[in-house]
Amino acid sequence: MGTSASPQWAILAYLNHDDPTLPQLTEIGASPEIQLLIQTNRENTAERRVFRPPTEPQPEPATVPFTTTGDPIMLADFIAWALENTDAPRFALMCRAGKISGFD
């Protein structure tokens, strides 16, 4: 959790590794009001990152086993991880991972 006042929003971004918004999101990062939590999927792993305001220490990315972005269990696991890693009372989920089974 953050060392300063809690952010008001957490943006949870569940993305494919080649998503065109990824460079933009990582460049924007976080602010005192908004925290950014991202999962990007690689070939055999997924990387999870928490972006904190520039004045705070940035945690190292976490690597987790990966199945497919279309797996609803993988999405649920990401959401659970993200909510454990933010103090924000509000959140928005950005899901740009193709088709997720069961969400047709």
C-alpha atoms as a PDB file:
ATOM      1  CA  MET A   1       0.000   0.000   0.000  1.00  0.00           C
ATOM      2  CA  GLY A   2       1.073   3.586  -0.499  1.00  0.00           C
ATOM      3  CA  THR A   3       3.012   5.491   2.109  1.00  0.00           C
ATOM      4  CA  SER A   4       1.126   8.773   1.595  1.00  0.00           C
ATOM      5  CA  ALA A   5      -2.595   9.528   1.469  1.00  0.00           C
ATOM      6  CA  SER A   6      -4.599   6.842  -0.296  1.00  0.00           C
ATOM      7  CA  PRO A   7      -5.505   7.406  -3.941  1.00  0.00           C
ATOM      8  CA  GLN A   8      -9.165   8.000  -4.750  1.00  0.00           C
ATOM      9  CA  TRP A   9      -9.137   5.743  -7.815  1.00  0.00           C
ATOM     10  CA  ALA A  10      -7.364   2.585  -8.911  1.00  0.00           C
ATOM     11  CA  ILE A  11      -7.205   1.839 -12.621  1.00  0.00           C
ATOM     12  CA  LEU A  12      -6.912  -1.913 -13.206  1.00  0.00           C
ATOM     13  CA  ALA A  13      -5.623  -2.638 -16.712  1.00  0.00           C
ATOM     14  CA  TYR A  14      -5.775  -6.249 -17.979  1.00  0.00           C
ATOM     15  CA  LEU A  15      -3.895  -6.206 -21.288  1.00  0.00           C
ATOM     16  CA  ASN A  16      -2.303  -8.304 -24.000  1.00  0.00           C
ATOM     17  CA  HIS A  17       1.461  -7.790 -24.257  1.00  0.00           C
ATOM     18  CA  ASP A  18       1.103  -5.995 -27.586  1.00  0.00           C
ATOM     19  CA  ASP A  19      -1.762  -3.695 -26.576  1.00  0.00           C
ATOM     20  CA  PRO A  20      -1.129  -0.249 -28.089  1.00  0.00           C
ATOM     21  CA  THR A  21      -2.285   1.519 -24.902  1.00  0.00           C
ATOM     22  CA  LEU A  22       0.417  -0.119 -22.739  1.00  0.00           C
ATOM     23  CA  PRO A  23       3.214   2.388 -23.528  1.00  0.00           C
ATOM     24  CA  GLN A  24       0.804   5.285 -22.938  1.00  0.00           C
ATOM     25  CA  LEU A  25      -0.368   3.900 -19.591  1.00  0.00           C
ATOM     26  CA  THR A  26       3.136   3.206 -18.330  1.00  0.00           C
ATOM     27  CA  GLU A  27       4.265   6.681 -19.417  1.00  0.00           C
ATOM     28  CA  ILE A  28       1.382   8.303 -17.530  1.00  0.00           C
ATOM     29  CA  GLY A  29       1.960   6.098 -14.474  1.00  0.00           C
ATOM     30  CA  ALA A  30       0.200   7.201 -11.306  1.00  0.00           C
ATOM     31  CA  SER A  31      -0.563  10.319  -9.315  1.00  0.00           C
ATOM     32  CA  PRO A  32      -1.553  10.928  -5.688  1.00  0.00           C
ATOM     33  CA  GLU A  33      -5.214  10.622  -6.748  1.00  0.00           C
ATOM     34  CA  ILE A  34      -4.928   7.680  -9.154  1.00  0.00           C
ATOM     35  CA  GLN A  35      -3.079   4.397  -8.799  1.00  0.00           C
ATOM     36  CA  LEU A  36      -2.401   2.202 -11.831  1.00  0.00           C
ATOM     37  CA  LEU A  37      -2.241  -1.599 -11.603  1.00  0.00           C
ATOM     38  CA  ILE A  38      -1.455  -3.497 -14.806  1.00  0.00           C
ATOM     39  CA  GLN A  39      -1.247  -7.103 -15.913  1.00  0.00           C
ATOM     40  CA  THR A  40       0.402  -7.763 -19.258  1.00  0.00           C
ATOM     41  CA  ASN A  41       0.575 -11.240 -20.642  1.00  0.00           C
ATOM     42  CA  ARG A  42       3.720 -12.679 -22.134  1.00  0.00           C
ATOM     43  CA  GLU A  43       4.334 -15.997 -23.854  1.00  0.00           C
ATOM     44  CA  ASN A  44       4.411 -18.214 -20.737  1.00  0.00           C
ATOM     45  CA  THR A  45       4.003 -15.725 -17.889  1.00  0.00           C
ATOM     46  CA  ALA A  46       2.057 -12.658 -16.900  1.00  0.00           C
ATOM     47  CA  GLU A  47       3.646  -9.565 -15.391  1.00  0.00           C
ATOM     48  CA  ARG A  48       1.830  -7.511 -12.769  1.00  0.00           C
ATOM     49  CA  ARG A  49       2.907  -3.985 -11.883  1.00  0.00           C
ATOM     50  CA  VAL A  50       1.747  -1.400  -9.397  1.00  0.00           C
ATOM     51  CA  PHE A  51       2.466   2.191 -10.358  1.00  0.00           C
ATOM     52  CA  ARG A  52       2.684   4.634  -7.463  1.00  0.00           C
ATOM     53  CA  PRO A  53       3.160   8.423  -7.579  1.00  0.00           C
ATOM     54  CA  PRO A  54       6.689   9.435  -8.607  1.00  0.00           C
ATOM     55  CA  THR A  55       7.478  10.547  -5.040  1.00  0.00           C
ATOM     56  CA  GLU A  56       6.955   6.988  -3.724  1.00  0.00           C
ATOM     57  CA  PRO A  57       9.113   3.876  -4.181  1.00  0.00           C
ATOM     58  CA  GLN A  58       8.033   1.773  -7.162  1.00  0.00           C
ATOM     59  CA  PRO A  59       7.564  -1.921  -6.360  1.00  0.00           C
ATOM     60  CA  GLU A  60       9.221  -4.522  -8.543  1.00  0.00           C
ATOM     61  CA  PRO A  61       6.949  -6.235 -11.097  1.00  0.00           C
ATOM     62  CA  ALA A  62       5.565  -9.618 -10.076  1.00  0.00           C
ATOM     63  CA  THR A  63       5.563 -12.584 -12.439  1.00  0.00           C
ATOM     64  CA  VAL A  64       2.767 -15.137 -12.273  1.00  0.00           C
ATOM     65  CA  PRO A  65       2.035 -18.309 -14.263  1.00  0.00           C
ATOM     66  CA  PHE A  66      -0.050 -17.553 -17.314  1.00  0.00           C
ATOM     67  CA  THR A  67      -2.739 -19.541 -19.076  1.00  0.00           C
ATOM     68  CA  THR A  68      -4.569 -17.246 -21.497  1.00  0.00           C
ATOM     69  CA  THR A  69      -6.164 -13.817 -21.352  1.00  0.00           C
ATOM     70  CA  GLY A  70      -9.406 -15.525 -22.314  1.00  0.00           C
ATOM     71  CA  ASP A  71      -9.471 -17.468 -19.037  1.00  0.00           C
ATOM     72  CA  PRO A  72     -11.982 -15.862 -16.625  1.00  0.00           C
ATOM     73  CA  ILE A  73     -10.084 -17.388 -13.672  1.00  0.00           C
ATOM     74  CA  MET A  74      -6.955 -15.469 -14.732  1.00  0.00           C
ATOM     75  CA  LEU A  75      -8.978 -12.246 -14.899  1.00  0.00           C
ATOM     76  CA  ALA A  76     -10.554 -12.903 -11.478  1.00  0.00           C
ATOM     77  CA  ASP A  77      -7.112 -13.606 -10.011  1.00  0.00           C
ATOM     78  CA  PHE A  78      -5.781 -10.328 -11.413  1.00  0.00           C
ATOM     79  CA  ILE A  79      -8.714  -8.380  -9.956  1.00  0.00           C
ATOM     80  CA  ALA A  80      -8.221 -10.020  -6.543  1.00  0.00           C
ATOM     81  CA  TRP A  81      -4.475  -9.231  -6.641  1.00  0.00           C
ATOM     82  CA  ALA A  82      -5.134  -5.624  -7.672  1.00  0.00           C
ATOM     83  CA  LEU A  83      -7.666  -5.037  -4.898  1.00  0.00           C
ATOM     84  CA  GLU A  84      -5.185  -6.431  -2.361  1.00  0.00           C
ATOM     85  CA  ASN A  85      -2.576  -3.951  -3.612  1.00  0.00           C
ATOM     86  CA  THR A  86      -4.536  -0.707  -3.470  1.00  0.00           C
ATOM     87  CA  ASP A  87      -6.208   1.390  -0.792  1.00  0.00           C
ATOM     88  CA  ALA A  88      -8.370   3.240  -3.314  1.00  0.00           C
ATOM     89  CA  PRO A  89     -12.103   3.195  -2.517  1.00  0.00           C
ATOM     90  CA  ARG A  90     -13.048   3.298  -6.223  1.00  0.00           C
ATOM     91  CA  PHE A  91     -11.716   1.367  -9.175  1.00  0.00           C
ATOM     92  CA  ALA A  92     -12.178   1.015 -12.901  1.00  0.00           C
ATOM     93  CA  LEU A  93     -11.355  -2.102 -14.898  1.00  0.00           C
ATOM     94  CA  MET A  94      -9.885  -1.737 -18.363  1.00  0.00           C
ATOM     95  CA  CYS A  95      -9.988  -5.107 -20.080  1.00  0.00           C
ATOM     96  CA  ARG A  96      -8.294  -5.225 -23.470  1.00  0.00           C
ATOM     97  CA  ALA A  97      -7.434  -8.876 -23.671  1.00  0.00           C
ATOM     98  CA  GLY A  98      -9.572 -10.214 -26.473  1.00  0.00           C
ATOM     99  CA  LYS A  99     -12.451 -12.572 -25.867  1.00  0.00           C
ATOM    100  CA  ILE A 100     -12.894 -13.823 -22.301  1.00  0.00           C
ATOM    101  CA  SER A 101     -14.721 -17.123 -21.972  1.00  0.00           C
ATOM    102  CA  GLY A 102     -18.160 -16.689 -20.423  1.00  0.00           C
ATOM    103  CA  PHE A 103     -18.393 -12.950 -21.207  1.00  0.00           C
ATOM    104  CA  ASP A 104     -19.851 -13.212 -24.703  1.00  0.00           C
END
